[in-house]
Amino acid sequence: MEHKVIPFVASIDLKKDASTQIAEQLESAIKYHTDKGWKYVRVENITTFVHAELGCFGIGARPAQTLFTHLIVFEK
């Protein structure tokens, strides 16, 4: 069995219904790949911790942060 994983990042207009926009974009991404023969499996949520960078004497320092990534999983 073959798997394909693609990132999913929704782009919304805050003046419109956010949930509807996100659902439409997700549906569009799923349809695009299922039309190419892939079967939708699920959406995975990955949490990544990025350590702080101290920089040189504080110059260029960056605080630690947590990143959230959403991935759409397909199989063939």
PDB file of N, CA and C in Angstrom:
ATOM      1  N   MET A   1       0.845  -1.178   0.000  1.00  0.00           N
ATOM      2  CA  MET A   1       0.000   0.000   0.000  1.00  0.00           C
ATOM      3  C   MET A   1       0.892   1.244   0.000  1.00  0.00           C
ATOM      4  N   GLU A   2       0.492   2.215  -0.777  1.00  0.00           N
ATOM      5  CA  GLU A   2       1.240   3.458  -0.919  1.00  0.00           C
ATOM      6  C   GLU A   2       0.497   4.575  -0.178  1.00  0.00           C
ATOM      7  N   HIS A   3       1.246   5.471   0.462  1.00  0.00           N
ATOM      8  CA  HIS A   3       0.636   6.598   1.170  1.00  0.00           C
ATOM      9  C   HIS A   3       1.160   7.915   0.626  1.00  0.00           C
ATOM     10  N   LYS A   4       0.331   8.925   0.745  1.00  0.00           N
ATOM     11  CA  LYS A   4       0.707  10.277   0.344  1.00  0.00           C
ATOM     12  C   LYS A   4       0.228  11.206   1.448  1.00  0.00           C
ATOM     13  N   VAL A   5       1.088  12.116   1.882  1.00  0.00           N
ATOM     14  CA  VAL A   5       0.744  13.058   2.946  1.00  0.00           C
ATOM     15  C   VAL A   5       1.018  14.462   2.429  1.00  0.00           C
ATOM     16  N   ILE A   6       0.002  15.320   2.495  1.00  0.00           N
ATOM     17  CA  ILE A   6       0.182  16.693   2.034  1.00  0.00           C
ATOM     18  C   ILE A   6      -0.188  17.667   3.152  1.00  0.00           C
ATOM     19  N   PRO A   7       0.504  18.797   3.232  1.00  0.00           N
ATOM     20  CA  PRO A   7       0.157  19.792   4.248  1.00  0.00           C
ATOM     21  C   PRO A   7      -1.158  20.479   3.890  1.00  0.00           C
ATOM     22  N   PHE A   8      -1.908  20.852   4.911  1.00  0.00           N
ATOM     23  CA  PHE A   8      -3.145  21.604   4.699  1.00  0.00           C
ATOM     24  C   PHE A   8      -3.108  22.853   5.563  1.00  0.00           C
ATOM     25  N   VAL A   9      -3.151  24.002   4.889  1.00  0.00           N
ATOM     26  CA  VAL A   9      -3.223  25.294   5.578  1.00  0.00           C
ATOM     27  C   VAL A   9      -4.355  26.067   4.922  1.00  0.00           C
ATOM     28  N   ALA A  10      -5.390  26.334   5.670  1.00  0.00           N
ATOM     29  CA  ALA A  10      -6.523  27.078   5.124  1.00  0.00           C
ATOM     30  C   ALA A  10      -6.220  28.572   5.154  1.00  0.00           C
ATOM     31  N   SER A  11      -6.741  29.266   4.175  1.00  0.00           N
ATOM     32  CA  SER A  11      -6.609  30.717   4.092  1.00  0.00           C
ATOM     33  C   SER A  11      -8.020  31.286   4.111  1.00  0.00           C
ATOM     34  N   ILE A  12      -8.321  32.131   5.096  1.00  0.00           N
ATOM     35  CA  ILE A  12      -9.700  32.597   5.248  1.00  0.00           C
ATOM     36  C   ILE A  12      -9.810  34.116   5.192  1.00  0.00           C
ATOM     37  N   ASP A  13     -11.010  34.556   4.863  1.00  0.00           N
ATOM     38  CA  ASP A  13     -11.391  35.961   4.907  1.00  0.00           C
ATOM     39  C   ASP A  13     -12.196  36.128   6.193  1.00  0.00           C
ATOM     40  N   LEU A  14     -11.705  36.937   7.121  1.00  0.00           N
ATOM     41  CA  LEU A  14     -12.362  37.078   8.422  1.00  0.00           C
ATOM     42  C   LEU A  14     -13.749  37.708   8.329  1.00  0.00           C
ATOM     43  N   LYS A  15     -14.088  38.275   7.183  1.00  0.00           N
ATOM     44  CA  LYS A  15     -15.409  38.881   7.009  1.00  0.00           C
ATOM     45  C   LYS A  15     -16.457  37.836   6.629  1.00  0.00           C
ATOM     46  N   LYS A  16     -16.009  36.609   6.354  1.00  0.00           N
ATOM     47  CA  LYS A  16     -16.917  35.529   5.963  1.00  0.00           C
ATOM     48  C   LYS A  16     -16.855  34.420   7.007  1.00  0.00           C
ATOM     49  N   ASP A  17     -17.757  33.455   6.886  1.00  0.00           N
ATOM     50  CA  ASP A  17     -17.810  32.335   7.828  1.00  0.00           C
ATOM     51  C   ASP A  17     -16.551  31.470   7.712  1.00  0.00           C
ATOM     52  N   ALA A  18     -15.739  31.473   8.758  1.00  0.00           N
ATOM     53  CA  ALA A  18     -14.457  30.763   8.744  1.00  0.00           C
ATOM     54  C   ALA A  18     -14.635  29.258   8.560  1.00  0.00           C
ATOM     55  N   SER A  19     -15.573  28.665   9.279  1.00  0.00           N
ATOM     56  CA  SER A  19     -15.762  27.210   9.209  1.00  0.00           C
ATOM     57  C   SER A  19     -16.115  26.755   7.802  1.00  0.00           C
ATOM     58  N   THR A  20     -16.980  27.494   7.145  1.00  0.00           N
ATOM     59  CA  THR A  20     -17.381  27.144   5.781  1.00  0.00           C
ATOM     60  C   THR A  20     -16.200  27.239   4.829  1.00  0.00           C
ATOM     61  N   GLN A  21     -15.413  28.299   4.954  1.00  0.00           N
ATOM     62  CA  GLN A  21     -14.250  28.473   4.082  1.00  0.00           C
ATOM     63  C   GLN A  21     -13.246  27.337   4.267  1.00  0.00           C
ATOM     64  N   ILE A  22     -12.987  26.978   5.511  1.00  0.00           N
ATOM     65  CA  ILE A  22     -12.032  25.904   5.801  1.00  0.00           C
ATOM     66  C   ILE A  22     -12.548  24.580   5.248  1.00  0.00           C
ATOM     67  N   ALA A  23     -13.825  24.303   5.477  1.00  0.00           N
ATOM     68  CA  ALA A  23     -14.417  23.052   4.984  1.00  0.00           C
ATOM     69  C   ALA A  23     -14.350  22.976   3.461  1.00  0.00           C
ATOM     70  N   GLU A  24     -14.631  24.083   2.787  1.00  0.00           N
ATOM     71  CA  GLU A  24     -14.588  24.095   1.323  1.00  0.00           C
ATOM     72  C   GLU A  24     -13.169  23.863   0.805  1.00  0.00           C
ATOM     73  N   GLN A  25     -12.176  24.462   1.457  1.00  0.00           N
ATOM     74  CA  GLN A  25     -10.791  24.279   1.031  1.00  0.00           C
ATOM     75  C   GLN A  25     -10.320  22.849   1.274  1.00  0.00           C
ATOM     76  N   LEU A  26     -10.718  22.275   2.411  1.00  0.00           N
ATOM     77  CA  LEU A  26     -10.356  20.887   2.700  1.00  0.00           C
ATOM     78  C   LEU A  26     -11.024  19.953   1.694  1.00  0.00           C
ATOM     79  N   GLU A  27     -12.299  20.192   1.432  1.00  0.00           N
ATOM     80  CA  GLU A  27     -13.027  19.374   0.457  1.00  0.00           C
ATOM     81  C   GLU A  27     -12.377  19.465  -0.924  1.00  0.00           C
ATOM     82  N   SER A  28     -11.959  20.650  -1.305  1.00  0.00           N
ATOM     83  CA  SER A  28     -11.305  20.850  -2.598  1.00  0.00           C
ATOM     84  C   SER A  28      -9.990  20.074  -2.683  1.00  0.00           C
ATOM     85  N   ALA A  29      -9.200  20.118  -1.618  1.00  0.00           N
ATOM     86  CA  ALA A  29      -7.924  19.387  -1.597  1.00  0.00           C
ATOM     87  C   ALA A  29      -8.165  17.880  -1.671  1.00  0.00           C
ATOM     88  N   ILE A  30      -9.150  17.399  -0.928  1.00  0.00           N
ATOM     89  CA  ILE A  30      -9.465  15.966  -0.947  1.00  0.00           C
ATOM     90  C   ILE A  30      -9.949  15.553  -2.335  1.00  0.00           C
ATOM     91  N   LYS A  31     -10.846  16.339  -2.929  1.00  0.00           N
ATOM     92  CA  LYS A  31     -11.368  16.016  -4.262  1.00  0.00           C
ATOM     93  C   LYS A  31     -10.250  15.998  -5.301  1.00  0.00           C
ATOM     94  N   TYR A  32      -9.345  16.951  -5.230  1.00  0.00           N
ATOM     95  CA  TYR A  32      -8.236  17.022  -6.181  1.00  0.00           C
ATOM     96  C   TYR A  32      -7.438  15.717  -6.178  1.00  0.00           C
ATOM     97  N   HIS A  33      -7.121  15.207  -4.989  1.00  0.00           N
ATOM     98  CA  HIS A  33      -6.289  14.003  -4.898  1.00  0.00           C
ATOM     99  C   HIS A  33      -7.086  12.721  -5.136  1.00  0.00           C
ATOM    100  N   THR A  34      -8.360  12.694  -4.739  1.00  0.00           N
ATOM    101  CA  THR A  34      -9.163  11.496  -5.019  1.00  0.00           C
ATOM    102  C   THR A  34      -9.427  11.371  -6.520  1.00  0.00           C
ATOM    103  N   ASP A  35      -9.534  12.498  -7.218  1.00  0.00           N
ATOM    104  CA  ASP A  35      -9.688  12.455  -8.681  1.00  0.00           C
ATOM    105  C   ASP A  35      -8.442  11.887  -9.356  1.00  0.00           C
ATOM    106  N   LYS A  36      -7.317  11.905  -8.673  1.00  0.00           N
ATOM    107  CA  LYS A  36      -6.065  11.359  -9.204  1.00  0.00           C
ATOM    108  C   LYS A  36      -5.823   9.921  -8.722  1.00  0.00           C
ATOM    109  N   GLY A  37      -6.855   9.315  -8.104  1.00  0.00           N
ATOM    110  CA  GLY A  37      -6.757   7.911  -7.726  1.00  0.00           C
ATOM    111  C   GLY A  37      -6.381   7.641  -6.278  1.00  0.00           C
ATOM    112  N   TRP A  38      -6.216   8.676  -5.473  1.00  0.00           N
ATOM    113  CA  TRP A  38      -5.882   8.489  -4.064  1.00  0.00           C
ATOM    114  C   TRP A  38      -7.152   8.384  -3.241  1.00  0.00           C
ATOM    115  N   LYS A  39      -7.115   7.593  -2.187  1.00  0.00           N
ATOM    116  CA  LYS A  39      -8.246   7.446  -1.275  1.00  0.00           C
ATOM    117  C   LYS A  39      -7.937   8.241  -0.007  1.00  0.00           C
ATOM    118  N   TYR A  40      -8.865   9.123   0.378  1.00  0.00           N
ATOM    119  CA  TYR A  40      -8.695   9.916   1.599  1.00  0.00           C
ATOM    120  C   TYR A  40      -8.710   8.996   2.817  1.00  0.00           C
ATOM    121  N   VAL A  41      -7.778   9.204   3.749  1.00  0.00           N
ATOM    122  CA  VAL A  41      -7.722   8.408   4.974  1.00  0.00           C
ATOM    123  C   VAL A  41      -8.122   9.255   6.178  1.00  0.00           C
ATOM    124  N   ARG A  42      -7.406  10.378   6.408  1.00  0.00           N
ATOM    125  CA  ARG A  42      -7.693  11.214   7.584  1.00  0.00           C
ATOM    126  C   ARG A  42      -6.846  12.488   7.542  1.00  0.00           C
ATOM    127  N   VAL A  43      -7.144  13.383   8.481  1.00  0.00           N
ATOM    128  CA  VAL A  43      -6.311  14.565   8.713  1.00  0.00           C
ATOM    129  C   VAL A  43      -5.548  14.319  10.005  1.00  0.00           C
ATOM    130  N   GLU A  44      -4.242  14.477   9.951  1.00  0.00           N
ATOM    131  CA  GLU A  44      -3.382  14.326  11.129  1.00  0.00           C
ATOM    132  C   GLU A  44      -2.955  15.710  11.603  1.00  0.00           C
ATOM    133  N   ASN A  45      -2.868  15.877  12.900  1.00  0.00           N
ATOM    134  CA  ASN A  45      -2.385  17.119  13.494  1.00  0.00           C
ATOM    135  C   ASN A  45      -1.055  16.834  14.171  1.00  0.00           C
ATOM    136  N   ILE A  46      -0.017  17.538  13.752  1.00  0.00           N
ATOM    137  CA  ILE A  46       1.324  17.339  14.291  1.00  0.00           C
ATOM    138  C   ILE A  46       1.726  18.589  15.069  1.00  0.00           C
ATOM    139  N   THR A  47       2.205  18.398  16.286  1.00  0.00           N
ATOM    140  CA  THR A  47       2.693  19.500  17.109  1.00  0.00           C
ATOM    141  C   THR A  47       4.206  19.412  17.174  1.00  0.00           C
ATOM    142  N   THR A  48       4.876  20.527  16.883  1.00  0.00           N
ATOM    143  CA  THR A  48       6.331  20.566  16.876  1.00  0.00           C
ATOM    144  C   THR A  48       6.812  21.675  17.798  1.00  0.00           C
ATOM    145  N   PHE A  49       7.738  21.360  18.687  1.00  0.00           N
ATOM    146  CA  PHE A  49       8.328  22.373  19.565  1.00  0.00           C
ATOM    147  C   PHE A  49       9.640  22.833  18.959  1.00  0.00           C
ATOM    148  N   VAL A  50       9.782  24.139  18.776  1.00  0.00           N
ATOM    149  CA  VAL A  50      11.008  24.719  18.234  1.00  0.00           C
ATOM    150  C   VAL A  50      11.730  25.409  19.384  1.00  0.00           C
ATOM    151  N   HIS A  51      12.946  24.956  19.668  1.00  0.00           N
ATOM    152  CA  HIS A  51      13.715  25.522  20.777  1.00  0.00           C
ATOM    153  C   HIS A  51      14.085  26.972  20.517  1.00  0.00           C
ATOM    154  N   ALA A  52      14.272  27.713  21.579  1.00  0.00           N
ATOM    155  CA  ALA A  52      14.682  29.114  21.483  1.00  0.00           C
ATOM    156  C   ALA A  52      16.101  29.203  20.942  1.00  0.00           C
ATOM    157  N   GLU A  53      16.376  30.306  20.274  1.00  0.00           N
ATOM    158  CA  GLU A  53      17.737  30.597  19.837  1.00  0.00           C
ATOM    159  C   GLU A  53      18.202  31.799  20.645  1.00  0.00           C
ATOM    160  N   LEU A  54      19.345  31.642  21.306  1.00  0.00           N
ATOM    161  CA  LEU A  54      19.818  32.699  22.194  1.00  0.00           C
ATOM    162  C   LEU A  54      20.466  33.862  21.455  1.00  0.00           C
ATOM    163  N   GLY A  55      20.995  33.617  20.282  1.00  0.00           N
ATOM    164  CA  GLY A  55      21.680  34.676  19.553  1.00  0.00           C
ATOM    165  C   GLY A  55      23.015  34.997  20.207  1.00  0.00           C
ATOM    166  N   CYS A  56      23.676  36.021  19.708  1.00  0.00           N
ATOM    167  CA  CYS A  56      24.961  36.456  20.254  1.00  0.00           C
ATOM    168  C   CYS A  56      24.709  37.706  21.089  1.00  0.00           C
ATOM    169  N   PHE A  57      24.850  37.575  22.393  1.00  0.00           N
ATOM    170  CA  PHE A  57      24.541  38.665  23.326  1.00  0.00           C
ATOM    171  C   PHE A  57      23.092  39.128  23.164  1.00  0.00           C
ATOM    172  N   GLY A  58      22.224  38.202  22.810  1.00  0.00           N
ATOM    173  CA  GLY A  58      20.800  38.507  22.667  1.00  0.00           C
ATOM    174  C   GLY A  58      20.400  39.020  21.293  1.00  0.00           C
ATOM    175  N   ILE A  59      21.386  39.344  20.451  1.00  0.00           N
ATOM    176  CA  ILE A  59      21.077  39.837  19.108  1.00  0.00           C
ATOM    177  C   ILE A  59      20.676  38.650  18.234  1.00  0.00           C
ATOM    178  N   GLY A  60      19.537  38.757  17.611  1.00  0.00           N
ATOM    179  CA  GLY A  60      19.037  37.673  16.766  1.00  0.00           C
ATOM    180  C   GLY A  60      18.357  36.568  17.565  1.00  0.00           C
ATOM    181  N   ALA A  61      18.147  36.812  18.853  1.00  0.00           N
ATOM    182  CA  ALA A  61      17.495  35.801  19.693  1.00  0.00           C
ATOM    183  C   ALA A  61      16.042  35.612  19.254  1.00  0.00           C
ATOM    184  N   ARG A  62      15.580  34.366  19.372  1.00  0.00           N
ATOM    185  CA  ARG A  62      14.188  34.048  19.070  1.00  0.00           C
ATOM    186  C   ARG A  62      13.636  33.188  20.192  1.00  0.00           C
ATOM    187  N   PRO A  63      12.423  33.491  20.649  1.00  0.00           N
ATOM    188  CA  PRO A  63      11.832  32.678  21.714  1.00  0.00           C
ATOM    189  C   PRO A  63      11.424  31.301  21.196  1.00  0.00           C
ATOM    190  N   ALA A  64      11.273  30.375  22.114  1.00  0.00           N
ATOM    191  CA  ALA A  64      10.766  29.047  21.751  1.00  0.00           C
ATOM    192  C   ALA A  64       9.335  29.208  21.254  1.00  0.00           C
ATOM    193  N   GLN A  65       8.929  28.294  20.413  1.00  0.00           N
ATOM    194  CA  GLN A  65       7.560  28.353  19.917  1.00  0.00           C
ATOM    195  C   GLN A  65       7.037  26.956  19.613  1.00  0.00           C
ATOM    196  N   THR A  66       5.740  26.852  19.582  1.00  0.00           N
ATOM    197  CA  THR A  66       5.092  25.597  19.230  1.00  0.00           C
ATOM    198  C   THR A  66       4.390  25.792  17.894  1.00  0.00           C
ATOM    199  N   LEU A  67       4.660  24.885  16.967  1.00  0.00           N
ATOM    200  CA  LEU A  67       4.042  24.939  15.645  1.00  0.00           C
ATOM    201  C   LEU A  67       3.008  23.826  15.523  1.00  0.00           C
ATOM    202  N   PHE A  68       1.901  24.133  14.890  1.00  0.00           N
ATOM    203  CA  PHE A  68       0.847  23.152  14.663  1.00  0.00           C
ATOM    204  C   PHE A  68       0.696  22.963  13.157  1.00  0.00           C
ATOM    205  N   THR A  69       0.844  21.733  12.701  1.00  0.00           N
ATOM    206  CA  THR A  69       0.758  21.419  11.285  1.00  0.00           C
ATOM    207  C   THR A  69      -0.371  20.420  11.061  1.00  0.00           C
ATOM    208  N   HIS A  70      -1.161  20.660  10.033  1.00  0.00           N
ATOM    209  CA  HIS A  70      -2.259  19.764   9.677  1.00  0.00           C
ATOM    210  C   HIS A  70      -1.892  19.086   8.362  1.00  0.00           C
ATOM    211  N   LEU A  71      -2.010  17.776   8.333  1.00  0.00           N
ATOM    212  CA  LEU A  71      -1.625  16.995   7.163  1.00  0.00           C
ATOM    213  C   LEU A  71      -2.789  16.115   6.718  1.00  0.00           C
ATOM    214  N   ILE A  72      -3.016  16.060   5.410  1.00  0.00           N
ATOM    215  CA  ILE A  72      -4.058  15.188   4.865  1.00  0.00           C
ATOM    216  C   ILE A  72      -3.377  13.907   4.394  1.00  0.00           C
ATOM    217  N   VAL A  73      -3.897  12.772   4.835  1.00  0.00           N
ATOM    218  CA  VAL A  73      -3.311  11.471   4.505  1.00  0.00           C
ATOM    219  C   VAL A  73      -4.200  10.759   3.481  1.00  0.00           C
ATOM    220  N   PHE A  74      -3.545  10.255   2.428  1.00  0.00           N
ATOM    221  CA  PHE A  74      -4.214   9.482   1.381  1.00  0.00           C
ATOM    222  C   PHE A  74      -3.499   8.148   1.232  1.00  0.00           C
ATOM    223  N   GLU A  75      -4.180   7.180   0.624  1.00  0.00           N
ATOM    224  CA  GLU A  75      -3.545   5.897   0.322  1.00  0.00           C
ATOM    225  C   GLU A  75      -4.005   5.405  -1.041  1.00  0.00           C
ATOM    226  N   LYS A  76      -3.217   4.505  -1.592  1.00  0.00           N
ATOM    227  CA  LYS A  76      -3.541   3.864  -2.874  1.00  0.00           C
ATOM    228  C   LYS A  76      -3.407   2.373  -2.709  1.00  0.00           C
TER     229      LYS A  76
END
